[in-house]
C-alpha atoms as a PDB file:
ATOM      1  CA  MET A   1       9.627   9.521   7.065  1.00  0.00           C
ATOM      2  CA  LYS A   2       6.931  10.265   4.570  1.00  0.00           C
ATOM      3  CA  ILE A   3       5.572   7.594   2.262  1.00  0.00           C
ATOM      4  CA  ASN A   4       4.522   8.412  -1.279  1.00  0.00           C
ATOM      5  CA  ALA A   5       0.862   8.770  -2.263  1.00  0.00           C
ATOM      6  CA  PHE A   6       0.887   5.530  -4.253  1.00  0.00           C
ATOM      7  CA  ALA A   7       2.118   3.528  -1.257  1.00  0.00           C
ATOM      8  CA  ASP A   8      -0.523   5.197   0.908  1.00  0.00           C
ATOM      9  CA  VAL A   9      -3.345   4.212  -1.451  1.00  0.00           C
ATOM     10  CA  SER A  10      -1.940   0.686  -1.777  1.00  0.00           C
ATOM     11  CA  LEU A  11      -1.789   0.251   2.002  1.00  0.00           C
ATOM     12  CA  ARG A  12      -5.337   1.528   2.410  1.00  0.00           C
ATOM     13  CA  ALA A  13      -6.572  -0.857  -0.297  1.00  0.00           C
ATOM     14  CA  LEU A  14      -4.905  -3.778   1.506  1.00  0.00           C
ATOM     15  CA  LEU A  15      -6.471  -2.701   4.812  1.00  0.00           C
ATOM     16  CA  VAL A  16      -9.932  -2.764   3.231  1.00  0.00           C
ATOM     17  CA  LEU A  17      -9.337  -6.082   1.477  1.00  0.00           C
ATOM     18  CA  SER A  18      -7.945  -7.684   4.628  1.00  0.00           C
ATOM     19  CA  SER A  19     -11.087  -6.899   6.594  1.00  0.00           C
ATOM     20  CA  ALA A  20     -13.610  -7.856   3.905  1.00  0.00           C
ATOM     21  CA  PRO A  21     -15.883 -10.806   4.686  1.00  0.00           C
ATOM     22  CA  ALA A  22     -14.215 -14.146   3.941  1.00  0.00           C
ATOM     23  CA  GLY A  23     -14.401 -14.975   0.253  1.00  0.00           C
ATOM     24  CA  GLU A  24     -15.960 -11.598  -0.598  1.00  0.00           C
ATOM     25  CA  LEU A  25     -14.719  -9.972  -3.789  1.00  0.00           C
ATOM     26  CA  LEU A  26     -14.502  -6.195  -3.692  1.00  0.00           C
ATOM     27  CA  THR A  27     -14.600  -4.163  -6.858  1.00  0.00           C
ATOM     28  CA  THR A  28     -12.063  -1.444  -7.439  1.00  0.00           C
ATOM     29  CA  GLN A  29     -14.912   1.048  -7.145  1.00  0.00           C
ATOM     30  CA  ASN A  30     -15.868  -0.426  -3.735  1.00  0.00           C
ATOM     31  CA  ILE A  31     -12.290  -0.010  -2.561  1.00  0.00           C
ATOM     32  CA  ALA A  32     -12.038   3.527  -3.970  1.00  0.00           C
ATOM     33  CA  ASP A  33     -15.245   4.493  -2.176  1.00  0.00           C
ATOM     34  CA  ALA A  34     -14.078   2.851   1.047  1.00  0.00           C
ATOM     35  CA  VAL A  35     -10.750   4.687   1.140  1.00  0.00           C
ATOM     36  CA  GLY A  36     -12.022   7.980  -0.268  1.00  0.00           C
ATOM     37  CA  THR A  37      -9.616   7.971  -3.194  1.00  0.00           C
ATOM     38  CA  PRO A  38     -10.308   8.408  -6.921  1.00  0.00           C
ATOM     39  CA  TYR A  39     -10.979   5.209  -8.851  1.00  0.00           C
ATOM     40  CA  HIS A  40      -8.069   5.821 -11.215  1.00  0.00           C
ATOM     41  CA  HIS A  41      -5.535   5.904  -8.361  1.00  0.00           C
ATOM     42  CA  VAL A  42      -6.966   2.788  -6.732  1.00  0.00           C
ATOM     43  CA  SER A  43      -7.019   0.888 -10.033  1.00  0.00           C
ATOM     44  CA  LYS A  44      -3.279   1.514 -10.464  1.00  0.00           C
ATOM     45  CA  ALA A  45      -2.679   0.282  -6.911  1.00  0.00           C
ATOM     46  CA  ILE A  46      -4.756  -2.857  -7.563  1.00  0.00           C
ATOM     47  CA  VAL A  47      -2.686  -3.647 -10.666  1.00  0.00           C
ATOM     48  CA  ARG A  48       0.567  -3.304  -8.705  1.00  0.00           C
ATOM     49  CA  LEU A  49      -0.697  -5.303  -5.706  1.00  0.00           C
ATOM     50  CA  ARG A  50      -1.695  -8.081  -8.095  1.00  0.00           C
ATOM     51  CA  GLU A  51       1.755  -8.005  -9.733  1.00  0.00           C
ATOM     52  CA  LEU A  52       3.268  -8.389  -6.264  1.00  0.00           C
ATOM     53  CA  GLY A  53       1.029 -11.404  -5.601  1.00  0.00           C
ATOM     54  CA  LEU A  54      -0.672  -9.754  -2.625  1.00  0.00           C
ATOM     55  CA  ILE A  55      -4.163  -9.911  -4.071  1.00  0.00           C
ATOM     56  CA  ASP A  56      -6.094 -12.234  -6.323  1.00  0.00           C
ATOM     57  CA  VAL A  57      -8.271 -10.675  -9.006  1.00  0.00           C
ATOM     58  CA  GLU A  58     -11.240 -12.243 -10.741  1.00  0.00           C
ATOM     59  CA  ARG A  59     -12.454 -10.563 -13.887  1.00  0.00           C
ATOM     60  CA  GLY A  60     -15.990 -10.350 -15.150  1.00  0.00           C
ATOM     61  CA  ARG A  61     -19.355  -9.084 -14.081  1.00  0.00           C
ATOM     62  CA  LYS A  62     -19.136 -10.614 -10.617  1.00  0.00           C
ATOM     63  CA  GLY A  63     -15.390 -10.114 -10.358  1.00  0.00           C
ATOM     64  CA  GLY A  64     -13.290  -8.182  -7.928  1.00  0.00           C
ATOM     65  CA  SER A  65     -10.268  -8.487  -5.688  1.00  0.00           C
ATOM     66  CA  ARG A  66      -9.484 -10.351  -2.503  1.00  0.00           C
ATOM     67  CA  LEU A  67      -6.382 -10.720  -0.374  1.00  0.00           C
ATOM     68  CA  SER A  68      -4.139 -13.622  -1.426  1.00  0.00           C
ATOM     69  CA  GLN A  69      -2.301 -15.948   0.959  1.00  0.00           C
ATOM     70  CA  ALA A  70       0.807 -13.785   0.533  1.00  0.00           C
ATOM     71  CA  GLY A  71      -1.293 -10.687   1.164  1.00  0.00           C
ATOM     72  CA  HIS A  72      -2.415 -12.060   4.525  1.00  0.00           C
ATOM     73  CA  LYS A  73       1.253 -12.298   5.548  1.00  0.00           C
ATOM     74  CA  ALA A  74       2.577  -9.096   3.957  1.00  0.00           C
ATOM     75  CA  THR A  75       4.225  -6.582   6.237  1.00  0.00           C
ATOM     76  CA  VAL A  76       4.136  -2.821   5.979  1.00  0.00           C
ATOM     77  CA  GLY A  77       7.928  -2.713   5.621  1.00  0.00           C
ATOM     78  CA  GLN A  78       7.895  -5.263   2.803  1.00  0.00           C
ATOM     79  CA  LEU A  79       5.207  -3.353   0.913  1.00  0.00           C
ATOM     80  CA  LEU A  80       6.851   0.041   1.328  1.00  0.00           C
ATOM     81  CA  ARG A  81      10.178  -1.295   0.039  1.00  0.00           C
ATOM     82  CA  GLU A  82       8.409  -2.582  -3.069  1.00  0.00           C
ATOM     83  CA  LEU A  83       6.489   0.634  -3.675  1.00  0.00           C
ATOM     84  CA  ASP A  84       9.188   3.194  -2.931  1.00  0.00           C
ATOM     85  CA  THR A  85      10.241   4.342  -6.372  1.00  0.00           C
ATOM     86  CA  ARG A  86      12.729   6.925  -5.148  1.00  0.00           C
ATOM     87  CA  SER A  87      16.279   5.791  -5.763  1.00  0.00           C
ATOM     88  CA  ASP A  88      17.703   8.741  -3.862  1.00  0.00           C
ATOM     89  CA  PRO A  89      16.125   9.813  -0.556  1.00  0.00           C
ATOM     90  CA  ALA A  90      17.659  13.304  -0.747  1.00  0.00           C
ATOM     91  CA  GLU A  91      16.875  14.101  -4.397  1.00  0.00           C
ATOM     92  CA  CYS A  92      20.541  14.648  -5.180  1.00  0.00           C
ATOM     93  CA  HIS A  93      19.692  14.302  -8.867  1.00  0.00           C
ATOM     94  CA  SER A  94      17.054  16.604 -10.329  1.00  0.00           C
ATOM     95  CA  SER A  95      15.958  18.162 -13.581  1.00  0.00           C
ATOM     96  CA  HIS A  96      17.838  21.298 -12.486  1.00  0.00           C
ATOM     97  CA  GLY A  97      21.110  19.410 -12.223  1.00  0.00           C
ATOM     98  CA  ASP A  98      22.956  17.404  -9.630  1.00  0.00           C
ATOM     99  CA  CYS A  99      23.688  18.770  -6.189  1.00  0.00           C
ATOM    100  CA  PRO A 100      27.194  20.273  -6.166  1.00  0.00           C
ATOM    101  CA  LEU A 101      27.862  18.501  -2.847  1.00  0.00           C
ATOM    102  CA  ILE A 102      27.141  15.010  -4.230  1.00  0.00           C
ATOM    103  CA  ILE A 103      30.795  13.908  -4.364  1.00  0.00           C
ATOM    104  CA  GLU A 104      31.606  12.012  -1.162  1.00  0.00           C
ATOM    105  CA  CYS A 105      28.355  13.140   0.429  1.00  0.00           C
ATOM    106  CA  GLY A 106      27.741  11.568   3.827  1.00  0.00           C
ATOM    107  CA  LEU A 107      24.142  12.756   3.970  1.00  0.00           C
ATOM    108  CA  ARG A 108      22.933  10.407   1.209  1.00  0.00           C
ATOM    109  CA  GLY A 109      24.265   7.351   3.014  1.00  0.00           C
ATOM    110  CA  ALA A 110      22.827   8.468   6.348  1.00  0.00           C
ATOM    111  CA  LEU A 111      19.411   9.044   4.802  1.00  0.00           C
ATOM    112  CA  ALA A 112      19.499   5.668   3.050  1.00  0.00           C
ATOM    113  CA  ARG A 113      20.323   3.958   6.369  1.00  0.00           C
ATOM    114  CA  ALA A 114      17.519   5.884   8.104  1.00  0.00           C
ATOM    115  CA  ARG A 115      15.047   4.823   5.409  1.00  0.00           C
ATOM    116  CA  GLU A 116      16.073   1.181   5.817  1.00  0.00           C
ATOM    117  CA  ALA A 117      15.715   1.471   9.618  1.00  0.00           C
ATOM    118  CA  PHE A 118      12.205   2.857   9.048  1.00  0.00           C
ATOM    119  CA  TYR A 119      11.320  -0.144   6.865  1.00  0.00           C
ATOM    120  CA  ARG A 120      12.926  -2.597   9.296  1.00  0.00           C
ATOM    121  CA  GLU A 121      10.756  -1.223  12.103  1.00  0.00           C
ATOM    122  CA  LEU A 122       7.691  -1.872   9.943  1.00  0.00           C
ATOM    123  CA  ASP A 123       8.795  -5.394   8.951  1.00  0.00           C
ATOM    124  CA  GLY A 124       7.121  -6.705  12.107  1.00  0.00           C
ATOM    125  CA  VAL A 125       3.761  -5.096  11.306  1.00  0.00           C
ATOM    126  CA  VAL A 126       1.493  -7.361   9.272  1.00  0.00           C
ATOM    127  CA  VAL A 127      -0.915  -5.264   7.206  1.00  0.00           C
ATOM    128  CA  SER A 128      -3.867  -7.608   7.721  1.00  0.00           C
ATOM    129  CA  SER A 129      -3.522  -7.325  11.508  1.00  0.00           C
ATOM    130  CA  LEU A 130      -4.084  -3.566  11.508  1.00  0.00           C
ATOM    131  CA  PRO A 131      -7.796  -2.958  10.806  1.00  0.00           C
ATOM    132  CA  SER A 132     -10.254  -3.216  13.678  1.00  0.00           C
ATOM    133  CA  PHE A 133     -13.984  -3.863  13.575  1.00  0.00           C
ATOM    134  CA  ARG A 134     -14.689  -0.446  15.058  1.00  0.00           C
ATOM    135  CA  GLN A 135     -12.610   1.198  12.342  1.00  0.00           C
ATOM    136  CA  MET A 136     -13.969  -0.796   9.411  1.00  0.00           C
ATOM    137  CA  ALA A 137     -17.682  -1.182  10.266  1.00  0.00           C
ATOM    138  CA  PRO A 138     -18.657   2.341   9.177  1.00  0.00           C
ATOM    139  CA  VAL A 139     -16.418   2.088   6.109  1.00  0.00           C
ATOM    140  CA  PHE A 140     -18.118  -1.091   4.947  1.00  0.00           C
ATOM    141  CA  GLN A 141     -21.564   0.291   5.696  1.00  0.00           C
ATOM    142  CA  THR A 142     -20.892   3.124   3.247  1.00  0.00           C
ATOM    143  CA  ILE A 143     -20.284   0.579   0.475  1.00  0.00           C
ATOM    144  CA  GLY A 144     -23.074  -1.784   1.526  1.00  0.00           C
ATOM    145  CA  LEU A 145     -21.027  -4.563   3.132  1.00  0.00           C
ATOM    146  CA  ARG A 146     -20.382  -5.852   6.617  1.00  0.00           C
ATOM    147  CA  PRO A 147     -16.764  -6.290   7.717  1.00  0.00           C
ATOM    148  CA  GLY A 148     -15.643  -9.884   8.175  1.00  0.00           C
ATOM    149  CA  MET A 149     -14.090  -9.442  11.578  1.00  0.00           C
END
């Protein structure tokens, strides 16, 4: 299965935040630089992650984001379910019209079950357990921080 770009950016932001030094606030620009993604895309992800309660945000000159208690426990499956905006995995409805095979289509149900199986497999993977020191050390050096691992 392929995840959407927004979910990808959101997962990467959580990976960076989960390996930041304890108590360290990271700016959206820090996170964007760390994951190699435009600021605008990361800022949208930060807003959504905050709405989901996975990060805490402090505003102001010395503000930034950090992983919340819920964020430390969040699983990949849980996050992808929240961020998957596609209602139909097969795009049976489009601007060009509905698929003529949509009535009693068995493919839609099979794809929906496969997507749920994909998420279920990722329900056991806690996002904050994924980053390693070896992976994050060079990333944090590029933004002037040391990973908190």
